[in-house]
Amino acid sequence: MFRRCEGRALLVLAAAALLGLALSKGSFPAREFSLPAEFRRAELRGPVDLNRASFAELLALPGVGPALAERILQYRWVHGPFRSVEELENVPGIGPRLLEKLRDKITVGR
């Protein structure tokens, strides 16, 4: 009838649908589903050093969501430390307009 991988995929989809239904009915208190601290937006307290910033610190930057924060971290991991603020434009999803928006909120430590 189903191959093993199709059966697993169907099971995962069913579980996701049941969880979504339970959440929409209010079966679970919202406080049980708060995000871990590293996934919440941090409060900016000065410029963010691109070479030391955590995921949460990158999320605190305007225009930077989870996917873009992850791409910045991946770029840093693959290419090493940023040598200039302008190098941030090499990260997919960051263009001149976003870089200008971020320029006074970011720095590159040595």
Protein backbone atom coordinates (compact mmCIF):
# COMPACT_ATOMS: atom_id res chain seq x y z
CA MET A 1 0.00 0.00 0.00
CA PHE A 2 2.43 2.73 1.20
CA ARG A 3 6.17 2.61 1.06
CA ARG A 4 7.86 3.11 4.40
CA CYS A 5 8.91 6.75 3.72
CA GLU A 6 5.40 7.64 2.48
CA GLY A 7 3.89 6.21 5.65
CA ARG A 8 6.24 8.27 7.81
CA ALA A 9 5.48 11.42 5.84
CA LEU A 10 1.76 10.81 6.26
CA LEU A 11 2.23 10.30 10.00
CA VAL A 12 4.16 13.58 10.31
CA LEU A 13 1.49 15.46 8.35
CA ALA A 14 -1.26 14.01 10.53
CA ALA A 15 0.60 14.96 13.72
CA ALA A 16 1.15 18.52 12.42
CA ALA A 17 -2.53 18.82 11.53
CA LEU A 18 -3.60 17.63 14.99
CA LEU A 19 -1.20 20.03 16.70
CA GLY A 20 -2.46 22.91 14.56
CA LEU A 21 -6.06 22.00 15.41
CA ALA A 22 -5.26 21.82 19.13
CA LEU A 23 -3.50 25.20 19.02
CA SER A 24 -6.36 26.85 17.13
CA LYS A 25 -8.88 25.54 19.68
CA GLY A 26 -6.83 26.95 22.54
CA SER A 27 -6.13 23.55 24.08
CA PHE A 28 -2.60 24.56 25.04
CA PRO A 29 -1.74 27.65 27.10
CA ALA A 30 0.36 30.05 25.03
CA ARG A 31 3.05 30.31 27.70
CA GLU A 32 4.02 26.68 27.09
CA PHE A 33 5.03 27.57 23.54
CA SER A 34 7.32 30.54 24.12
CA LEU A 35 10.52 30.57 22.09
CA PRO A 36 13.87 29.82 23.70
CA ALA A 37 15.91 32.94 24.51
CA GLU A 38 18.31 32.43 21.60
CA PHE A 39 15.41 32.72 19.14
CA ARG A 40 13.87 35.88 20.62
CA ARG A 41 14.85 39.30 19.43
CA ALA A 42 17.46 40.88 21.68
CA GLU A 43 17.35 44.53 22.65
CA LEU A 44 20.00 46.59 20.85
CA ARG A 45 22.46 48.29 23.19
CA GLY A 46 24.75 49.91 20.66
CA PRO A 47 26.19 48.68 17.38
CA VAL A 48 26.16 44.94 16.75
CA ASP A 49 29.55 43.42 15.94
CA LEU A 50 28.99 41.23 12.88
CA ASN A 51 31.89 38.98 13.86
CA ARG A 52 30.59 38.23 17.36
CA ALA A 53 26.81 38.61 17.02
CA SER A 54 24.54 35.80 18.11
CA PHE A 55 21.40 34.76 16.26
CA ALA A 56 19.26 36.80 18.70
CA GLU A 57 21.43 39.90 18.28
CA LEU A 58 21.15 39.68 14.50
CA LEU A 59 17.38 39.31 14.83
CA ALA A 60 17.29 42.60 16.72
CA LEU A 61 18.50 44.44 13.63
CA PRO A 62 15.76 46.12 11.57
CA GLY A 63 14.89 44.18 8.43
CA VAL A 64 16.64 41.00 9.62
CA GLY A 65 14.42 37.98 10.17
CA PRO A 66 15.33 34.40 11.11
CA ALA A 67 16.30 33.31 7.58
CA LEU A 68 18.54 36.32 6.99
CA ALA A 69 20.15 36.02 10.44
CA GLU A 70 20.95 32.39 9.63
CA ARG A 71 22.47 33.37 6.26
CA ILE A 72 24.69 35.96 7.98
CA LEU A 73 25.91 33.34 10.45
CA GLN A 74 26.50 30.84 7.62
CA TYR A 75 28.43 33.42 5.60
CA ARG A 76 30.62 34.19 8.61
CA TRP A 77 31.22 30.48 9.22
CA VAL A 78 32.16 29.75 5.59
CA HIS A 79 34.14 32.94 4.76
CA GLY A 80 35.57 33.83 8.15
CA PRO A 81 35.20 37.16 9.94
CA PHE A 82 33.78 40.15 8.13
CA ARG A 83 36.51 42.59 7.12
CA SER A 84 34.17 45.52 6.54
CA VAL A 85 30.53 46.49 6.98
CA GLU A 86 30.22 46.63 3.17
CA GLU A 87 31.05 42.89 2.97
CA LEU A 88 27.60 42.25 4.44
CA GLU A 89 26.25 42.90 0.92
CA ASN A 90 27.77 39.55 -0.12
CA VAL A 91 25.17 37.77 2.02
CA PRO A 92 22.21 36.73 -0.15
CA GLY A 93 19.20 38.90 0.68
CA ILE A 94 21.18 41.98 1.70
CA GLY A 95 21.27 44.74 -0.85
CA PRO A 96 22.32 48.38 -0.82
CA ARG A 97 19.06 49.63 0.72
CA LEU A 98 19.13 47.21 3.66
CA LEU A 99 22.84 47.84 4.18
CA GLU A 100 22.19 51.59 4.45
CA LYS A 101 19.37 50.90 6.92
CA LEU A 102 21.77 48.82 9.04
CA ARG A 103 24.98 50.85 8.63
CA ASP A 104 24.71 52.84 11.91
CA LYS A 105 23.60 49.74 13.85
CA ILE A 106 26.44 47.39 12.90
CA THR A 107 30.21 47.32 13.24
CA VAL A 108 33.06 44.96 12.40
CA GLY A 109 35.38 44.17 15.30
CA ARG A 110 38.93 43.11 14.70
